[in-house]
Amino acid sequence: MPKRTKFSSPLMTTYVILIIGIRLLRDSIACLLNRWKKVRKNGEQNARDLRVSM
């Protein structure tokens, strides 16, 4: 029984770390995508404003 717990505890910790890492990665990717979309929208808006002012 002790052998089994010794084996399962590192497995569980690695599993938890993996889940947390994937979640953080997904959040950061979503954040980057949102920022990129905002930048693109701002760029299009600036281009429109330039055309209007010209």
PDB file of N, CA and C in Angstrom:
ATOM      1  N   MET A   1       0.814  -1.223   0.000  1.00  0.00           N
ATOM      2  CA  MET A   1       0.000   0.000   0.000  1.00  0.00           C
ATOM      3  C   MET A   1       0.849   1.277   0.000  1.00  0.00           C
ATOM      4  N   PRO A   2       1.909   1.372   0.850  1.00  0.00           N
ATOM      5  CA  PRO A   2       2.715   2.613   0.840  1.00  0.00           C
ATOM      6  C   PRO A   2       3.359   2.851  -0.528  1.00  0.00           C
ATOM      7  N   LYS A   3       3.793   1.767  -1.176  1.00  0.00           N
ATOM      8  CA  LYS A   3       4.404   1.906  -2.508  1.00  0.00           C
ATOM      9  C   LYS A   3       3.422   2.579  -3.469  1.00  0.00           C
ATOM     10  N   ARG A   4       2.180   2.146  -3.390  1.00  0.00           N
ATOM     11  CA  ARG A   4       1.164   2.657  -4.302  1.00  0.00           C
ATOM     12  C   ARG A   4       0.963   4.173  -4.089  1.00  0.00           C
ATOM     13  N   THR A   5       0.863   4.592  -2.829  1.00  0.00           N
ATOM     14  CA  THR A   5       0.657   6.016  -2.552  1.00  0.00           C
ATOM     15  C   THR A   5       1.872   6.817  -3.015  1.00  0.00           C
ATOM     16  N   LYS A   6       3.075   6.263  -2.799  1.00  0.00           N
ATOM     17  CA  LYS A   6       4.287   6.948  -3.257  1.00  0.00           C
ATOM     18  C   LYS A   6       4.244   7.159  -4.762  1.00  0.00           C
ATOM     19  N   PHE A   7       3.733   6.163  -5.461  1.00  0.00           N
ATOM     20  CA  PHE A   7       3.680   6.255  -6.927  1.00  0.00           C
ATOM     21  C   PHE A   7       2.583   7.218  -7.380  1.00  0.00           C
ATOM     22  N   SER A   8       1.433   7.186  -6.694  1.00  0.00           N
ATOM     23  CA  SER A   8       0.288   7.969  -7.162  1.00  0.00           C
ATOM     24  C   SER A   8       0.436   9.456  -6.820  1.00  0.00           C
ATOM     25  N   SER A   9       1.134   9.801  -5.722  1.00  0.00           N
ATOM     26  CA  SER A   9       1.215  11.216  -5.350  1.00  0.00           C
ATOM     27  C   SER A   9       1.999  12.053  -6.370  1.00  0.00           C
ATOM     28  N   PRO A  10       3.181  11.615  -6.843  1.00  0.00           N
ATOM     29  CA  PRO A  10       3.866  12.416  -7.866  1.00  0.00           C
ATOM     30  C   PRO A  10       3.056  12.477  -9.152  1.00  0.00           C
ATOM     31  N   LEU A  11       2.369  11.383  -9.465  1.00  0.00           N
ATOM     32  CA  LEU A  11       1.531  11.349 -10.668  1.00  0.00           C
ATOM     33  C   LEU A  11       0.441  12.409 -10.554  1.00  0.00           C
ATOM     34  N   MET A  12      -0.200  12.484  -9.381  1.00  0.00           N
ATOM     35  CA  MET A  12      -1.260  13.465  -9.173  1.00  0.00           C
ATOM     36  C   MET A  12      -0.697  14.884  -9.254  1.00  0.00           C
ATOM     37  N   THR A  13       0.455  15.124  -8.629  1.00  0.00           N
ATOM     38  CA  THR A  13       1.029  16.475  -8.656  1.00  0.00           C
ATOM     39  C   THR A  13       1.356  16.884 -10.086  1.00  0.00           C
ATOM     40  N   THR A  14       1.949  15.986 -10.856  1.00  0.00           N
ATOM     41  CA  THR A  14       2.274  16.309 -12.247  1.00  0.00           C
ATOM     42  C   THR A  14       0.994  16.566 -13.036  1.00  0.00           C
ATOM     43  N   TYR A  15      -0.039  15.777 -12.752  1.00  0.00           N
ATOM     44  CA  TYR A  15      -1.333  15.940 -13.431  1.00  0.00           C
ATOM     45  C   TYR A  15      -1.914  17.318 -13.135  1.00  0.00           C
ATOM     46  N   VAL A  16      -1.885  17.700 -11.840  1.00  0.00           N
ATOM     47  CA  VAL A  16      -2.419  19.006 -11.426  1.00  0.00           C
ATOM     48  C   VAL A  16      -1.616  20.130 -12.057  1.00  0.00           C
ATOM     49  N   ILE A  17      -0.275  19.998 -12.028  1.00  0.00           N
ATOM     50  CA  ILE A  17       0.594  21.027 -12.625  1.00  0.00           C
ATOM     51  C   ILE A  17       0.298  21.154 -14.114  1.00  0.00           C
ATOM     52  N   LEU A  18       0.099  20.021 -14.763  1.00  0.00           N
ATOM     53  CA  LEU A  18      -0.216  20.028 -16.193  1.00  0.00           C
ATOM     54  C   LEU A  18      -1.512  20.781 -16.455  1.00  0.00           C
ATOM     55  N   ILE A  19      -2.538  20.482 -15.662  1.00  0.00           N
ATOM     56  CA  ILE A  19      -3.848  21.139 -15.849  1.00  0.00           C
ATOM     57  C   ILE A  19      -3.710  22.640 -15.644  1.00  0.00           C
ATOM     58  N   ILE A  20      -3.006  23.034 -14.559  1.00  0.00           N
ATOM     59  CA  ILE A  20      -2.837  24.462 -14.266  1.00  0.00           C
ATOM     60  C   ILE A  20      -2.053  25.132 -15.400  1.00  0.00           C
ATOM     61  N   GLY A  21      -1.003  24.470 -15.856  1.00  0.00           N
ATOM     62  CA  GLY A  21      -0.193  25.024 -16.942  1.00  0.00           C
ATOM     63  C   GLY A  21      -1.003  25.207 -18.213  1.00  0.00           C
ATOM     64  N   ILE A  22      -1.816  24.216 -18.557  1.00  0.00           N
ATOM     65  CA  ILE A  22      -2.643  24.299 -19.773  1.00  0.00           C
ATOM     66  C   ILE A  22      -3.640  25.437 -19.639  1.00  0.00           C
ATOM     67  N   ARG A  23      -4.220  25.574 -18.434  1.00  0.00           N
ATOM     68  CA  ARG A  23      -5.194  26.655 -18.214  1.00  0.00           C
ATOM     69  C   ARG A  23      -4.529  28.012 -18.371  1.00  0.00           C
ATOM     70  N   LEU A  24      -3.352  28.161 -17.751  1.00  0.00           N
ATOM     71  CA  LEU A  24      -2.633  29.441 -17.850  1.00  0.00           C
ATOM     72  C   LEU A  24      -2.280  29.728 -19.301  1.00  0.00           C
ATOM     73  N   LEU A  25      -1.824  28.703 -20.009  1.00  0.00           N
ATOM     74  CA  LEU A  25      -1.454  28.866 -21.419  1.00  0.00           C
ATOM     75  C   LEU A  25      -2.661  29.324 -22.227  1.00  0.00           C
ATOM     76  N   ARG A  26      -3.814  28.670 -21.990  1.00  0.00           N
ATOM     77  CA  ARG A  26      -5.016  29.009 -22.735  1.00  0.00           C
ATOM     78  C   ARG A  26      -5.427  30.457 -22.447  1.00  0.00           C
ATOM     79  N   ASP A  27      -5.354  30.837 -21.157  1.00  0.00           N
ATOM     80  CA  ASP A  27      -5.713  32.208 -20.778  1.00  0.00           C
ATOM     81  C   ASP A  27      -4.799  33.211 -21.460  1.00  0.00           C
ATOM     82  N   SER A  28      -3.491  32.944 -21.443  1.00  0.00           N
ATOM     83  CA  SER A  28      -2.545  33.882 -22.050  1.00  0.00           C
ATOM     84  C   SER A  28      -2.762  33.970 -23.559  1.00  0.00           C
ATOM     85  N   ILE A  29      -3.052  32.840 -24.192  1.00  0.00           N
ATOM     86  CA  ILE A  29      -3.292  32.841 -25.644  1.00  0.00           C
ATOM     87  C   ILE A  29      -4.555  33.643 -25.949  1.00  0.00           C
ATOM     88  N   ALA A  30      -5.605  33.446 -25.149  1.00  0.00           N
ATOM     89  CA  ALA A  30      -6.855  34.188 -25.354  1.00  0.00           C
ATOM     90  C   ALA A  30      -6.601  35.684 -25.182  1.00  0.00           C
ATOM     91  N   CYS A  31      -5.812  36.032 -24.164  1.00  0.00           N
ATOM     92  CA  CYS A  31      -5.492  37.440 -23.901  1.00  0.00           C
ATOM     93  C   CYS A  31      -4.753  38.026 -25.108  1.00  0.00           C
ATOM     94  N   LEU A  32      -3.767  37.283 -25.612  1.00  0.00           N
ATOM     95  CA  LEU A  32      -2.991  37.766 -26.757  1.00  0.00           C
ATOM     96  C   LEU A  32      -3.896  37.941 -27.976  1.00  0.00           C
ATOM     97  N   LEU A  33      -4.779  36.966 -28.202  1.00  0.00           N
ATOM     98  CA  LEU A  33      -5.694  37.045 -29.351  1.00  0.00           C
ATOM     99  C   LEU A  33      -6.597  38.266 -29.235  1.00  0.00           C
ATOM    100  N   ASN A  34      -7.134  38.503 -28.031  1.00  0.00           N
ATOM    101  CA  ASN A  34      -8.007  39.659 -27.828  1.00  0.00           C
ATOM    102  C   ASN A  34      -7.246  40.957 -28.084  1.00  0.00           C
ATOM    103  N   ARG A  35      -6.003  41.021 -27.582  1.00  0.00           N
ATOM    104  CA  ARG A  35      -5.191  42.220 -27.766  1.00  0.00           C
ATOM    105  C   ARG A  35      -4.928  42.442 -29.256  1.00  0.00           C
ATOM    106  N   TRP A  36      -4.613  41.344 -29.963  1.00  0.00           N
ATOM    107  CA  TRP A  36      -4.314  41.439 -31.394  1.00  0.00           C
ATOM    108  C   TRP A  36      -5.543  41.928 -32.154  1.00  0.00           C
ATOM    109  N   LYS A  37      -6.723  41.391 -31.784  1.00  0.00           N
ATOM    110  CA  LYS A  37      -7.965  41.820 -32.429  1.00  0.00           C
ATOM    111  C   LYS A  37      -8.197  43.310 -32.187  1.00  0.00           C
ATOM    112  N   LYS A  38      -7.963  43.750 -30.928  1.00  0.00           N
ATOM    113  CA  LYS A  38      -8.138  45.168 -30.597  1.00  0.00           C
ATOM    114  C   LYS A  38      -7.207  46.023 -31.440  1.00  0.00           C
ATOM    115  N   VAL A  39      -5.947  45.598 -31.537  1.00  0.00           N
ATOM    116  CA  VAL A  39      -4.960  46.356 -32.318  1.00  0.00           C
ATOM    117  C   VAL A  39      -5.402  46.431 -33.774  1.00  0.00           C
ATOM    118  N   ARG A  40      -5.871  45.308 -34.306  1.00  0.00           N
ATOM    119  CA  ARG A  40      -6.323  45.288 -35.704  1.00  0.00           C
ATOM    120  C   ARG A  40      -7.514  46.220 -35.896  1.00  0.00           C
ATOM    121  N   LYS A  41      -8.474  46.155 -34.950  1.00  0.00           N
ATOM    122  CA  LYS A  41      -9.650  47.028 -35.029  1.00  0.00           C
ATOM    123  C   LYS A  41      -9.212  48.485 -34.990  1.00  0.00           C
ATOM    124  N   ASN A  42      -8.306  48.815 -34.069  1.00  0.00           N
ATOM    125  CA  ASN A  42      -7.809  50.185 -33.950  1.00  0.00           C
ATOM    126  C   ASN A  42      -7.123  50.608 -35.242  1.00  0.00           C
ATOM    127  N   GLY A  43      -6.356  49.698 -35.835  1.00  0.00           N
ATOM    128  CA  GLY A  43      -5.675  49.998 -37.092  1.00  0.00           C
ATOM    129  C   GLY A  43      -6.674  50.320 -38.192  1.00  0.00           C
ATOM    130  N   GLU A  44      -7.732  49.487 -38.292  1.00  0.00           N
ATOM    131  CA  GLU A  44      -8.762  49.736 -39.313  1.00  0.00           C
ATOM    132  C   GLU A  44      -9.456  51.073 -39.045  1.00  0.00           C
ATOM    133  N   GLN A  45      -9.747  51.340 -37.779  1.00  0.00           N
ATOM    134  CA  GLN A  45     -10.406  52.598 -37.410  1.00  0.00           C
ATOM    135  C   GLN A  45      -9.516  53.781 -37.772  1.00  0.00           C
ATOM    136  N   ASN A  46      -8.228  53.676 -37.470  1.00  0.00           N
ATOM    137  CA  ASN A  46      -7.296  54.756 -37.802  1.00  0.00           C
ATOM    138  C   ASN A  46      -7.239  54.975 -39.311  1.00  0.00           C
ATOM    139  N   ALA A  47      -7.231  53.882 -40.067  1.00  0.00           N
ATOM    140  CA  ALA A  47      -7.189  53.994 -41.524  1.00  0.00           C
ATOM    141  C   ALA A  47      -8.444  54.713 -42.024  1.00  0.00           C
ATOM    142  N   ARG A  48      -9.620  54.359 -41.458  1.00  0.00           N
ATOM    143  CA  ARG A  48     -10.874  55.010 -41.845  1.00  0.00           C
ATOM    144  C   ARG A  48     -10.822  56.498 -41.508  1.00  0.00           C
ATOM    145  N   ASP A  49     -10.331  56.803 -40.300  1.00  0.00           N
ATOM    146  CA  ASP A  49     -10.247  58.205 -39.879  1.00  0.00           C
ATOM    147  C   ASP A  49      -9.344  58.984 -40.824  1.00  0.00           C
ATOM    148  N   LEU A  50      -8.227  58.360 -41.218  1.00  0.00           N
ATOM    149  CA  LEU A  50      -7.294  59.031 -42.132  1.00  0.00           C
ATOM    150  C   LEU A  50      -7.983  59.310 -43.462  1.00  0.00           C
ATOM    151  N   ARG A  51      -8.726  58.323 -43.968  1.00  0.00           N
ATOM    152  CA  ARG A  51      -9.432  58.510 -45.245  1.00  0.00           C
ATOM    153  C   ARG A  51     -10.448  59.645 -45.129  1.00  0.00           C
ATOM    154  N   VAL A  52     -11.165  59.663 -44.005  1.00  0.00           N
ATOM    155  CA  VAL A  52     -12.191  60.698 -43.797  1.00  0.00           C
ATOM    156  C   VAL A  52     -11.532  62.076 -43.729  1.00  0.00           C
ATOM    157  N   SER A  53     -10.422  62.166 -42.993  1.00  0.00           N
ATOM    158  CA  SER A  53      -9.757  63.463 -42.835  1.00  0.00           C
ATOM    159  C   SER A  53      -9.149  63.934 -44.160  1.00  0.00           C
ATOM    160  N   MET A  54      -8.716  63.011 -44.990  1.00  0.00           N
ATOM    161  CA  MET A  54      -8.137  63.362 -46.286  1.00  0.00           C
ATOM    162  C   MET A  54      -9.256  63.846 -47.207  1.00  0.00           C
TER     163      MET A  54
END
